[in-house]
Amino acid sequence: MGVKGFGAGALCAAFLVAGCAGRGAAPPGGPSAPALPSIAEADWRAHVTTADRIRLRGWRSAWMTALDQARTAGHGGDLAADAALFDPDRMLADPLPPAGDYRCRVVKLGSRAGVGLGYVAYPAFRCRIDSEDGALHFAKLTGSQRPVGTIYTSEPTRGVFLGTVVLGDESRTIDYGRDTTRDMAGFVERIGTRRWRMVLPYPAFESTLDVIELVPAG
């Protein structure tokens, strides 16, 4: 499994060194979404991997641990300054963002095994959501870690994202479910007027929880 030429150690190093702040960008239009069902209303539970099902089930524990780690690292003020973004229970109706271009700001909370920074916020990158045949396809277009995948309808107050991460100067995606170090799973929630977030519990490297803020680019 995995990408040819990317051993586990090399992949880990790539994540740790590159982070989200890298300047690598996808080709114009961004990579295509990994192979997933084409209907957003399809039951994501029929397609999620066992590992990602466990990650999603532990979403609240990930939030609590990540927030505690960020506060311990001295970033309580940063959390308080954007209470809506960092409130685990803030989930408004109509959770799915419409198709269009977005500014997406990544915040990494907590650290794996207590090693590393407890809070890292990156400047806004470019993201896009496309609607095709009833499906919502999400792609982060710039940065060195670029999630790509499908947003599914799930509950009245949140959707589910299943996808993979594209690294560095890669232009092709890996199919979801082929490599656990590349698979990504999370929730999509609306937290304000024209403001959404993607919450990714227990990502493969670096943080305990990733939060991607999404606001329309226009």
Protein backbone atom coordinates (compact mmCIF):
# COMPACT_ATOMS: atom_id res chain seq x y z
CA MET A 1 0.00 0.00 0.00
CA GLY A 2 0.94 3.62 -0.21
CA VAL A 3 2.65 5.64 -2.85
CA LYS A 4 5.61 4.18 -4.70
CA GLY A 5 8.83 5.48 -3.23
CA PHE A 6 7.22 6.65 -0.01
CA GLY A 7 8.16 4.40 2.90
CA ALA A 8 6.54 4.91 6.27
CA GLY A 9 9.54 6.77 7.66
CA ALA A 10 9.85 9.02 4.66
CA LEU A 11 6.16 9.78 4.72
CA CYS A 12 6.25 10.70 8.40
CA ALA A 13 9.23 12.94 7.78
CA ALA A 14 7.44 14.62 4.92
CA PHE A 15 4.54 15.52 7.16
CA LEU A 16 6.70 16.77 9.99
CA VAL A 17 8.90 18.91 7.80
CA ALA A 18 6.36 20.17 5.32
CA GLY A 19 3.38 20.87 7.55
CA CYS A 20 0.55 22.87 6.06
CA ALA A 21 2.67 25.92 5.46
CA GLY A 22 4.52 24.62 2.43
CA ARG A 23 4.11 26.45 -0.83
CA GLY A 24 3.59 23.45 -3.03
CA ALA A 25 0.42 23.81 -5.06
CA ALA A 26 -1.73 21.50 -7.08
CA PRO A 27 -1.99 22.00 -10.83
CA PRO A 28 -4.69 24.42 -12.03
CA GLY A 29 -8.07 23.08 -11.06
CA GLY A 30 -6.58 20.88 -8.35
CA PRO A 31 -6.42 17.08 -8.17
CA SER A 32 -9.50 15.01 -8.77
CA ALA A 33 -11.27 13.52 -5.78
CA PRO A 34 -10.26 9.97 -4.87
CA ALA A 35 -12.55 7.16 -5.92
CA LEU A 36 -15.68 7.42 -3.77
CA PRO A 37 -19.42 7.10 -4.45
CA SER A 38 -20.80 9.89 -6.64
CA ILE A 39 -23.96 10.58 -4.63
CA ALA A 40 -23.58 12.80 -1.58
CA GLU A 41 -26.70 11.32 0.00
CA ALA A 42 -25.13 7.84 -0.03
CA ASP A 43 -24.58 6.39 3.40
CA TRP A 44 -20.97 7.15 4.29
CA ARG A 45 -21.07 4.29 6.80
CA ALA A 46 -21.05 1.83 3.93
CA HIS A 47 -17.74 3.21 2.66
CA VAL A 48 -15.78 4.38 5.71
CA THR A 49 -12.82 2.25 6.76
CA THR A 50 -12.75 0.60 10.17
CA ALA A 51 -9.90 2.85 11.30
CA ASP A 52 -11.76 6.00 10.27
CA ARG A 53 -14.98 4.81 11.87
CA ILE A 54 -13.05 4.58 15.14
CA ARG A 55 -11.55 8.05 14.63
CA LEU A 56 -14.94 9.59 13.96
CA ARG A 57 -16.48 7.85 16.94
CA GLY A 58 -13.84 9.45 19.17
CA TRP A 59 -14.45 13.00 17.95
CA ARG A 60 -15.35 14.45 21.34
CA SER A 61 -12.40 12.87 23.10
CA ALA A 62 -10.13 14.28 20.38
CA TRP A 63 -11.60 17.77 20.88
CA MET A 64 -11.18 17.70 24.66
CA THR A 65 -7.63 16.37 24.53
CA ALA A 66 -6.60 18.80 21.80
CA LEU A 67 -8.05 21.83 23.59
CA ASP A 68 -6.35 20.84 26.85
CA GLN A 69 -3.02 20.42 25.07
CA ALA A 70 -3.37 23.79 23.35
CA ARG A 71 -4.14 25.54 26.65
CA THR A 72 -1.24 23.79 28.37
CA ALA A 73 1.02 25.08 25.59
CA GLY A 74 -0.07 28.63 26.43
CA HIS A 75 -2.65 29.20 23.70
CA GLY A 76 -5.77 29.64 25.79
CA GLY A 77 -6.02 33.21 24.54
CA ASP A 78 -6.00 32.08 20.91
CA LEU A 79 -8.82 29.65 21.63
CA ALA A 80 -10.87 32.28 23.45
CA ALA A 81 -10.35 34.80 20.64
CA ASP A 82 -12.31 32.58 18.25
CA ALA A 83 -14.78 30.82 20.51
CA ALA A 84 -17.10 29.79 17.68
CA LEU A 85 -14.37 28.00 15.76
CA PHE A 86 -13.15 26.11 18.80
CA ASP A 87 -16.49 25.23 20.41
CA PRO A 88 -16.92 21.46 19.90
CA ASP A 89 -20.70 21.71 20.19
CA ARG A 90 -21.28 24.59 17.80
CA MET A 91 -23.16 22.93 14.94
CA LEU A 92 -25.86 24.88 13.11
CA ALA A 93 -28.53 23.57 10.77
CA ASP A 94 -27.81 23.26 7.05
CA PRO A 95 -24.21 22.12 7.58
CA LEU A 96 -23.07 21.58 3.99
CA PRO A 97 -21.32 24.50 2.27
CA PRO A 98 -22.38 25.37 -1.28
CA ALA A 99 -20.13 24.87 -4.27
CA GLY A 100 -17.59 27.60 -4.86
CA ASP A 101 -14.14 28.93 -4.00
CA TYR A 102 -13.13 29.21 -0.35
CA ARG A 103 -10.41 30.57 1.86
CA CYS A 104 -9.46 27.73 4.20
CA ARG A 105 -7.42 28.34 7.33
CA VAL A 106 -5.89 25.31 9.05
CA VAL A 107 -5.36 25.16 12.80
CA LYS A 108 -3.61 22.15 14.30
CA LEU A 109 -4.53 21.52 17.93
CA GLY A 110 -2.63 19.32 20.34
CA SER A 111 0.26 17.01 19.58
CA ARG A 112 0.64 13.30 19.09
CA ALA A 113 2.11 11.56 22.13
CA GLY A 114 2.67 14.97 23.71
CA VAL A 115 5.54 15.71 21.33
CA GLY A 116 5.56 18.93 19.33
CA LEU A 117 3.60 22.16 19.41
CA GLY A 118 0.16 22.31 20.99
CA TYR A 119 -1.23 24.95 18.65
CA VAL A 120 -0.25 25.88 15.11
CA ALA A 121 -2.32 28.27 12.96
CA TYR A 122 -1.57 28.76 9.28
CA PRO A 123 -2.61 31.60 6.97
CA ALA A 124 -5.51 31.02 4.62
CA PHE A 125 -5.05 28.72 1.64
CA ARG A 126 -7.24 28.24 -1.42
CA CYS A 127 -9.89 25.54 -1.41
CA ARG A 128 -12.74 24.64 -3.71
CA ILE A 129 -15.99 22.71 -3.42
CA ASP A 130 -17.56 21.36 -6.60
CA SER A 131 -21.02 19.87 -7.00
CA GLU A 132 -21.31 17.09 -9.54
CA ASP A 133 -24.16 14.61 -9.93
CA GLY A 134 -25.44 15.47 -6.47
CA ALA A 135 -22.06 15.00 -4.81
CA LEU A 136 -19.91 17.61 -3.07
CA HIS A 137 -16.19 17.27 -3.81
CA PHE A 138 -13.74 19.17 -1.60
CA ALA A 139 -10.16 20.01 -2.55
CA LYS A 140 -7.54 22.13 -0.81
CA LEU A 141 -5.64 23.62 -3.74
CA THR A 142 -2.55 25.14 -2.12
CA GLY A 143 -0.18 24.17 0.65
CA SER A 144 1.94 21.07 1.09
CA GLN A 145 -0.81 18.98 2.72
CA ARG A 146 -3.95 19.06 0.60
CA PRO A 147 -7.05 17.09 1.63
CA VAL A 148 -9.21 15.94 -1.27
CA GLY A 149 -12.43 13.98 -1.00
CA THR A 150 -16.21 13.80 -0.76
CA ILE A 151 -18.56 15.51 1.69
CA TYR A 152 -21.55 13.30 2.58
CA THR A 153 -24.89 14.21 4.07
CA SER A 154 -25.06 12.72 7.57
CA GLU A 155 -27.02 14.56 10.26
CA PRO A 156 -29.13 17.76 10.38
CA THR A 157 -26.18 19.63 11.87
CA ARG A 158 -23.14 18.05 10.23
CA GLY A 159 -21.83 16.24 7.20
CA VAL A 160 -19.03 13.70 6.94
CA PHE A 161 -15.83 14.11 4.92
CA LEU A 162 -13.97 11.06 3.60
CA GLY A 163 -10.87 11.53 1.51
CA THR A 164 -7.11 11.41 1.29
CA VAL A 165 -4.24 13.87 1.54
CA VAL A 166 -2.03 14.92 -1.37
CA LEU A 167 1.53 15.83 -0.38
CA GLY A 168 4.09 18.25 -1.77
CA ASP A 169 4.27 18.39 -5.55
CA GLU A 170 2.10 15.31 -6.09
CA SER A 171 -0.66 15.79 -8.66
CA ARG A 172 -2.54 12.51 -8.27
CA THR A 173 -4.63 11.30 -5.39
CA ILE A 174 -4.60 7.92 -3.70
CA ASP A 175 -7.92 6.11 -3.57
CA TYR A 176 -9.56 6.26 -0.18
CA GLY A 177 -8.96 3.11 1.86
CA ARG A 178 -5.65 2.14 0.25
CA ASP A 179 -3.27 3.76 2.75
CA THR A 180 -4.23 4.53 6.34
CA THR A 181 -1.53 7.21 6.58
CA ARG A 182 -3.20 9.10 3.74
CA ASP A 183 -6.86 8.51 4.61
CA MET A 184 -8.69 11.44 6.19
CA ALA A 185 -12.08 11.47 7.92
CA GLY A 186 -13.91 14.25 9.68
CA PHE A 187 -17.06 16.26 10.15
CA VAL A 188 -18.24 19.34 8.25
CA GLU A 189 -20.22 21.82 10.34
CA ARG A 190 -21.67 25.28 9.87
CA ILE A 191 -20.62 27.58 12.71
CA GLY A 192 -21.94 30.94 11.49
CA THR A 193 -23.31 32.92 8.58
CA ARG A 194 -21.27 31.86 5.55
CA ARG A 195 -18.75 30.17 7.82
CA TRP A 196 -18.01 26.46 8.10
CA ARG A 197 -15.37 24.20 9.55
CA MET A 198 -13.99 20.76 8.82
CA VAL A 199 -12.97 18.87 11.96
CA LEU A 200 -10.46 16.02 11.52
CA PRO A 201 -9.92 13.98 14.71
CA TYR A 202 -6.67 12.08 15.23
CA PRO A 203 -4.90 12.81 11.92
CA ALA A 204 -2.06 10.44 11.04
CA PHE A 205 0.72 12.83 12.04
CA GLU A 206 1.53 15.88 14.15
CA SER A 207 -1.68 16.98 15.87
CA THR A 208 -4.52 15.54 17.92
CA LEU A 209 -7.18 17.40 15.96
CA ASP A 210 -7.15 19.57 12.83
CA VAL A 211 -9.70 22.32 12.27
CA ILE A 212 -10.10 23.80 8.79
CA GLU A 213 -12.11 27.02 8.73
CA LEU A 214 -13.97 27.59 5.46
CA VAL A 215 -15.26 30.99 4.34
CA PRO A 216 -16.28 31.97 0.79
CA ALA A 217 -13.48 33.60 -1.17
CA GLY A 218 -15.75 36.19 -2.77
